[in-house]
Amino acid sequence: MEQKTYIRIPRDRVGVLIGPQGKDKKRIESALKVTLTIDSETGNVEATPQPSQTDVSVLFTVKNIVHAVGRGFSPKRALTLLDEDMDLLVLDLEDYVGTSRNAQNRVKGRIIGKEGKSRALLEDLTECLYSVYGSTVTIIGSFEMLPVAKKALEMLIEGAFHKTVWNHLYAYRRKMKKERGELWYEPPRRRETR
């Protein structure tokens, strides 16, 4: 039986997934050796491995990449999920602030910040990518950093001052650098005397 996976994305994201002259669709198909069948009316996407693709686990990666594009990422940023150490995390703002559009817009404004500065700093400090689309915030990051990115996001959603969140992230980064430094520390070599 032929393996396939199905994903539905918002109709307004179908054009982004396909790209100009189908360039982005072709890039995904080429990178993963799959065939994407996209229904622009419904937003349904069917992914089928090409005959040369023997690893059916690639369908999980395709699903994540298409889902990321559907949640607001550009195809280029979504393709960072090709790295097996990267994963996707979707947070629904309704779970945190309810269905009020005003509350959701306020929170989205806190996450994005003036001229996108808060989101840029979040991305820099957590080494993750963020997308704010509809009532969701989606994060692409390493397994190590996703929990940190989620915690920072939840702090912002719950109303913590931006400075408090940045200080939390700076402290985490200092701790990680110290741990990595101790882990990879090599004592200086002694000079050989003849």
C-alpha atoms as a PDB file:
ATOM      1  CA  MET A   1       0.000   0.000   0.000  1.00  0.00           C
ATOM      2  CA  GLU A   2       1.319   3.430  -0.937  1.00  0.00           C
ATOM      3  CA  GLN A   3       2.045   5.738   1.981  1.00  0.00           C
ATOM      4  CA  LYS A   4       0.592   9.261   1.889  1.00  0.00           C
ATOM      5  CA  THR A   5      -0.041  12.057   4.329  1.00  0.00           C
ATOM      6  CA  TYR A   6      -2.707  14.726   4.260  1.00  0.00           C
ATOM      7  CA  ILE A   7      -2.486  18.233   5.668  1.00  0.00           C
ATOM      8  CA  ARG A   8      -4.973  21.080   5.532  1.00  0.00           C
ATOM      9  CA  ILE A   9      -3.719  24.649   5.545  1.00  0.00           C
ATOM     10  CA  PRO A  10      -5.644  27.935   5.396  1.00  0.00           C
ATOM     11  CA  ARG A  11      -6.612  28.786   1.808  1.00  0.00           C
ATOM     12  CA  ASP A  12      -4.831  32.143   2.005  1.00  0.00           C
ATOM     13  CA  ARG A  13      -1.544  30.256   2.602  1.00  0.00           C
ATOM     14  CA  VAL A  14      -1.836  27.987  -0.468  1.00  0.00           C
ATOM     15  CA  GLY A  15      -0.221  30.570  -2.765  1.00  0.00           C
ATOM     16  CA  VAL A  16       2.706  30.926  -0.358  1.00  0.00           C
ATOM     17  CA  LEU A  17       3.217  27.150  -0.288  1.00  0.00           C
ATOM     18  CA  ILE A  18       3.229  26.989  -4.092  1.00  0.00           C
ATOM     19  CA  GLY A  19       5.334  30.128  -4.604  1.00  0.00           C
ATOM     20  CA  PRO A  20       5.928  32.096  -7.815  1.00  0.00           C
ATOM     21  CA  GLN A  21       5.740  29.742 -10.829  1.00  0.00           C
ATOM     22  CA  GLY A  22       5.530  26.825  -8.352  1.00  0.00           C
ATOM     23  CA  LYS A  23       9.119  27.429  -7.196  1.00  0.00           C
ATOM     24  CA  ASP A  24       8.567  26.764  -3.476  1.00  0.00           C
ATOM     25  CA  LYS A  25       6.442  23.654  -4.066  1.00  0.00           C
ATOM     26  CA  LYS A  26       9.170  22.300  -6.369  1.00  0.00           C
ATOM     27  CA  ARG A  27      11.864  23.095  -3.783  1.00  0.00           C
ATOM     28  CA  ILE A  28      10.027  21.077  -1.103  1.00  0.00           C
ATOM     29  CA  GLU A  29       9.353  18.210  -3.535  1.00  0.00           C
ATOM     30  CA  SER A  30      12.990  18.140  -4.629  1.00  0.00           C
ATOM     31  CA  ALA A  31      14.466  18.339  -1.119  1.00  0.00           C
ATOM     32  CA  LEU A  32      12.274  15.536   0.251  1.00  0.00           C
ATOM     33  CA  LYS A  33      11.644  13.441  -2.888  1.00  0.00           C
ATOM     34  CA  VAL A  34       7.871  13.715  -2.538  1.00  0.00           C
ATOM     35  CA  THR A  35       5.011  14.835  -4.756  1.00  0.00           C
ATOM     36  CA  LEU A  36       2.653  17.478  -3.368  1.00  0.00           C
ATOM     37  CA  THR A  37      -0.913  17.653  -4.678  1.00  0.00           C
ATOM     38  CA  ILE A  38      -2.495  20.925  -3.551  1.00  0.00           C
ATOM     39  CA  ASP A  39      -6.197  21.787  -3.742  1.00  0.00           C
ATOM     40  CA  SER A  40      -6.347  25.577  -3.723  1.00  0.00           C
ATOM     41  CA  GLU A  41     -10.115  25.602  -3.072  1.00  0.00           C
ATOM     42  CA  THR A  42      -9.992  23.635   0.181  1.00  0.00           C
ATOM     43  CA  GLY A  43      -6.369  24.043   1.287  1.00  0.00           C
ATOM     44  CA  ASN A  44      -5.912  20.257   1.326  1.00  0.00           C
ATOM     45  CA  VAL A  45      -2.371  19.077   0.621  1.00  0.00           C
ATOM     46  CA  GLU A  46      -1.525  15.474  -0.175  1.00  0.00           C
ATOM     47  CA  ALA A  47       2.107  14.351   0.070  1.00  0.00           C
ATOM     48  CA  THR A  48       3.196  11.129  -1.633  1.00  0.00           C
ATOM     49  CA  PRO A  49       6.765   9.791  -1.624  1.00  0.00           C
ATOM     50  CA  GLN A  50       8.322   9.539  -5.088  1.00  0.00           C
ATOM     51  CA  PRO A  51       9.452   6.042  -6.158  1.00  0.00           C
ATOM     52  CA  SER A  52      13.083   6.977  -5.362  1.00  0.00           C
ATOM     53  CA  GLN A  53      12.127   7.862  -1.763  1.00  0.00           C
ATOM     54  CA  THR A  54      12.401   4.732   0.383  1.00  0.00           C
ATOM     55  CA  ASP A  55      12.175   6.446   3.790  1.00  0.00           C
ATOM     56  CA  VAL A  56       8.485   6.923   4.614  1.00  0.00           C
ATOM     57  CA  SER A  57       9.392   8.848   7.790  1.00  0.00           C
ATOM     58  CA  VAL A  58      10.022  11.760   5.421  1.00  0.00           C
ATOM     59  CA  LEU A  59       6.224  12.222   5.388  1.00  0.00           C
ATOM     60  CA  PHE A  60       6.418  13.444   8.998  1.00  0.00           C
ATOM     61  CA  THR A  61       8.941  16.110   7.959  1.00  0.00           C
ATOM     62  CA  VAL A  62       6.799  17.111   4.958  1.00  0.00           C
ATOM     63  CA  LYS A  63       3.775  17.405   7.226  1.00  0.00           C
ATOM     64  CA  ASN A  64       5.690  19.696   9.610  1.00  0.00           C
ATOM     65  CA  ILE A  65       7.031  21.883   6.778  1.00  0.00           C
ATOM     66  CA  VAL A  66       3.615  22.284   5.142  1.00  0.00           C
ATOM     67  CA  HIS A  67       2.031  22.904   8.552  1.00  0.00           C
ATOM     68  CA  ALA A  68       4.658  25.587   9.282  1.00  0.00           C
ATOM     69  CA  VAL A  69       3.863  27.361   6.002  1.00  0.00           C
ATOM     70  CA  GLY A  70       0.181  27.115   6.898  1.00  0.00           C
ATOM     71  CA  ARG A  71       0.921  28.768  10.258  1.00  0.00           C
ATOM     72  CA  GLY A  72       2.602  31.789   8.673  1.00  0.00           C
ATOM     73  CA  PHE A  73       6.228  30.838   8.005  1.00  0.00           C
ATOM     74  CA  SER A  74       7.803  31.477   4.630  1.00  0.00           C
ATOM     75  CA  PRO A  75       8.765  28.247   2.817  1.00  0.00           C
ATOM     76  CA  LYS A  76      12.446  29.157   3.259  1.00  0.00           C
ATOM     77  CA  ARG A  77      12.089  29.402   7.050  1.00  0.00           C
ATOM     78  CA  ALA A  78       9.865  26.298   7.159  1.00  0.00           C
ATOM     79  CA  LEU A  79      12.576  24.305   5.380  1.00  0.00           C
ATOM     80  CA  THR A  80      14.780  24.656   8.488  1.00  0.00           C
ATOM     81  CA  LEU A  81      12.697  21.672   9.649  1.00  0.00           C
ATOM     82  CA  LEU A  82      14.790  19.540   7.274  1.00  0.00           C
ATOM     83  CA  ASP A  83      17.334  19.486  10.110  1.00  0.00           C
ATOM     84  CA  GLU A  84      16.385  16.452  12.197  1.00  0.00           C
ATOM     85  CA  ASP A  85      17.222  18.332  15.410  1.00  0.00           C
ATOM     86  CA  MET A  86      14.490  20.897  14.692  1.00  0.00           C
ATOM     87  CA  ASP A  87      10.837  20.621  15.640  1.00  0.00           C
ATOM     88  CA  LEU A  88       7.616  22.599  15.429  1.00  0.00           C
ATOM     89  CA  LEU A  89       5.491  23.829  18.332  1.00  0.00           C
ATOM     90  CA  VAL A  90       2.105  25.528  17.896  1.00  0.00           C
ATOM     91  CA  LEU A  91       0.528  27.507  20.746  1.00  0.00           C
ATOM     92  CA  ASP A  92      -3.115  28.528  20.432  1.00  0.00           C
ATOM     93  CA  LEU A  93      -3.689  31.907  22.074  1.00  0.00           C
ATOM     94  CA  GLU A  94      -7.302  30.906  22.814  1.00  0.00           C
ATOM     95  CA  ASP A  95      -5.901  28.458  25.388  1.00  0.00           C
ATOM     96  CA  TYR A  96      -4.297  31.392  27.221  1.00  0.00           C
ATOM     97  CA  VAL A  97      -6.555  34.437  26.754  1.00  0.00           C
ATOM     98  CA  GLY A  98      -9.832  33.019  25.439  1.00  0.00           C
ATOM     99  CA  THR A  99     -11.640  33.920  22.235  1.00  0.00           C
ATOM    100  CA  SER A 100     -11.616  37.703  22.702  1.00  0.00           C
ATOM    101  CA  ARG A 101     -10.027  39.237  19.593  1.00  0.00           C
ATOM    102  CA  ASN A 102      -8.947  42.291  21.622  1.00  0.00           C
ATOM    103  CA  ALA A 103      -7.089  40.124  24.148  1.00  0.00           C
ATOM    104  CA  GLN A 104      -5.465  38.092  21.371  1.00  0.00           C
ATOM    105  CA  ASN A 105      -4.426  41.215  19.460  1.00  0.00           C
ATOM    106  CA  ARG A 106      -2.935  42.735  22.624  1.00  0.00           C
ATOM    107  CA  VAL A 107      -0.883  39.587  23.232  1.00  0.00           C
ATOM    108  CA  LYS A 108       0.197  39.364  19.584  1.00  0.00           C
ATOM    109  CA  GLY A 109       1.329  42.992  19.808  1.00  0.00           C
ATOM    110  CA  ARG A 110       3.432  42.157  22.888  1.00  0.00           C
ATOM    111  CA  ILE A 111       5.048  39.219  21.092  1.00  0.00           C
ATOM    112  CA  ILE A 112       5.772  41.080  17.853  1.00  0.00           C
ATOM    113  CA  GLY A 113       6.630  44.441  19.423  1.00  0.00           C
ATOM    114  CA  LYS A 114       7.124  47.772  17.738  1.00  0.00           C
ATOM    115  CA  GLU A 115       8.435  47.215  14.200  1.00  0.00           C
ATOM    116  CA  GLY A 116       8.933  43.519  15.022  1.00  0.00           C
ATOM    117  CA  LYS A 117      11.690  44.224  17.553  1.00  0.00           C
ATOM    118  CA  SER A 118      10.354  41.932  20.312  1.00  0.00           C
ATOM    119  CA  ARG A 119       9.999  38.977  17.966  1.00  0.00           C
ATOM    120  CA  ALA A 120      13.484  39.619  16.547  1.00  0.00           C
ATOM    121  CA  LEU A 121      14.984  39.666  20.056  1.00  0.00           C
ATOM    122  CA  LEU A 122      13.043  36.516  21.003  1.00  0.00           C
ATOM    123  CA  GLU A 123      14.448  34.790  17.920  1.00  0.00           C
ATOM    124  CA  ASP A 124      17.959  35.970  18.703  1.00  0.00           C
ATOM    125  CA  LEU A 125      17.923  34.971  22.377  1.00  0.00           C
ATOM    126  CA  THR A 126      16.205  31.590  21.916  1.00  0.00           C
ATOM    127  CA  GLU A 127      17.767  30.663  18.557  1.00  0.00           C
ATOM    128  CA  CYS A 128      14.230  29.781  17.405  1.00  0.00           C
ATOM    129  CA  LEU A 129      11.943  31.122  14.684  1.00  0.00           C
ATOM    130  CA  TYR A 130       8.521  32.571  15.564  1.00  0.00           C
ATOM    131  CA  SER A 131       5.401  33.131  13.470  1.00  0.00           C
ATOM    132  CA  VAL A 132       2.270  34.902  14.694  1.00  0.00           C
ATOM    133  CA  TYR A 133      -0.680  33.960  12.484  1.00  0.00           C
ATOM    134  CA  GLY A 134      -4.397  34.047  13.256  1.00  0.00           C
ATOM    135  CA  SER A 135      -4.884  32.948  16.852  1.00  0.00           C
ATOM    136  CA  THR A 136      -1.661  30.926  16.949  1.00  0.00           C
ATOM    137  CA  VAL A 137       2.011  31.456  17.643  1.00  0.00           C
ATOM    138  CA  THR A 138       4.266  28.843  16.066  1.00  0.00           C
ATOM    139  CA  ILE A 139       7.878  28.178  16.999  1.00  0.00           C
ATOM    140  CA  ILE A 140      10.521  26.285  15.035  1.00  0.00           C
ATOM    141  CA  GLY A 141      13.546  25.372  17.093  1.00  0.00           C
ATOM    142  CA  SER A 142      15.885  22.709  18.388  1.00  0.00           C
ATOM    143  CA  PHE A 143      14.614  20.204  20.928  1.00  0.00           C
ATOM    144  CA  GLU A 144      16.902  21.844  23.476  1.00  0.00           C
ATOM    145  CA  MET A 145      15.609  25.385  22.929  1.00  0.00           C
ATOM    146  CA  LEU A 146      11.869  24.817  22.276  1.00  0.00           C
ATOM    147  CA  PRO A 147      10.966  24.560  26.001  1.00  0.00           C
ATOM    148  CA  VAL A 148      12.915  27.790  26.679  1.00  0.00           C
ATOM    149  CA  ALA A 149      11.192  29.552  23.775  1.00  0.00           C
ATOM    150  CA  LYS A 150       7.781  28.343  24.972  1.00  0.00           C
ATOM    151  CA  LYS A 151       8.457  29.547  28.532  1.00  0.00           C
ATOM    152  CA  ALA A 152       9.495  33.011  27.272  1.00  0.00           C
ATOM    153  CA  LEU A 153       6.386  33.203  25.109  1.00  0.00           C
ATOM    154  CA  GLU A 154       4.139  32.183  28.005  1.00  0.00           C
ATOM    155  CA  MET A 155       5.749  34.839  30.196  1.00  0.00           C
ATOM    156  CA  LEU A 156       4.884  37.491  27.583  1.00  0.00           C
ATOM    157  CA  ILE A 157       1.344  36.131  27.174  1.00  0.00           C
ATOM    158  CA  GLU A 158       0.806  36.201  30.944  1.00  0.00           C
ATOM    159  CA  GLY A 159       1.825  39.866  31.051  1.00  0.00           C
ATOM    160  CA  ALA A 160       5.429  39.777  32.282  1.00  0.00           C
ATOM    161  CA  PHE A 161       7.434  42.900  31.490  1.00  0.00           C
ATOM    162  CA  HIS A 162       9.562  42.535  28.368  1.00  0.00           C
ATOM    163  CA  LYS A 163      12.642  43.345  30.433  1.00  0.00           C
ATOM    164  CA  THR A 164      11.829  40.469  32.814  1.00  0.00           C
ATOM    165  CA  VAL A 165      11.554  38.041  29.878  1.00  0.00           C
ATOM    166  CA  TRP A 166      14.793  39.281  28.294  1.00  0.00           C
ATOM    167  CA  ASN A 167      16.630  38.984  31.636  1.00  0.00           C
ATOM    168  CA  HIS A 168      15.306  35.426  32.025  1.00  0.00           C
ATOM    169  CA  LEU A 169      16.609  34.543  28.552  1.00  0.00           C
ATOM    170  CA  TYR A 170      19.974  36.260  29.093  1.00  0.00           C
ATOM    171  CA  ALA A 171      20.397  34.317  32.354  1.00  0.00           C
ATOM    172  CA  TYR A 172      19.532  31.054  30.600  1.00  0.00           C
ATOM    173  CA  ARG A 173      22.040  31.767  27.826  1.00  0.00           C
ATOM    174  CA  ARG A 174      24.792  32.575  30.366  1.00  0.00           C
ATOM    175  CA  LYS A 175      24.049  29.297  32.143  1.00  0.00           C
ATOM    176  CA  MET A 176      24.154  27.346  28.863  1.00  0.00           C
ATOM    177  CA  LYS A 177      27.431  28.958  27.788  1.00  0.00           C
ATOM    178  CA  LYS A 178      28.949  28.134  31.149  1.00  0.00           C
ATOM    179  CA  GLU A 179      27.779  24.510  30.968  1.00  0.00           C
ATOM    180  CA  ARG A 180      29.004  24.144  27.397  1.00  0.00           C
ATOM    181  CA  GLY A 181      32.284  25.781  28.352  1.00  0.00           C
ATOM    182  CA  GLU A 182      32.844  23.427  31.260  1.00  0.00           C
ATOM    183  CA  LEU A 183      31.857  20.459  29.160  1.00  0.00           C
ATOM    184  CA  TRP A 184      34.303  21.265  26.389  1.00  0.00           C
ATOM    185  CA  TYR A 185      37.015  22.851  28.513  1.00  0.00           C
ATOM    186  CA  GLU A 186      40.515  21.710  27.661  1.00  0.00           C
ATOM    187  CA  PRO A 187      43.302  22.795  29.983  1.00  0.00           C
ATOM    188  CA  PRO A 188      46.166  24.634  28.298  1.00  0.00           C
ATOM    189  CA  ARG A 189      48.929  22.333  27.181  1.00  0.00           C
ATOM    190  CA  ARG A 190      52.281  22.609  28.845  1.00  0.00           C
ATOM    191  CA  ARG A 191      55.185  23.589  26.706  1.00  0.00           C
ATOM    192  CA  GLU A 192      57.557  20.813  26.145  1.00  0.00           C
ATOM    193  CA  THR A 193      61.052  21.581  27.344  1.00  0.00           C
ATOM    194  CA  ARG A 194      64.035  19.966  25.672  1.00  0.00           C
END
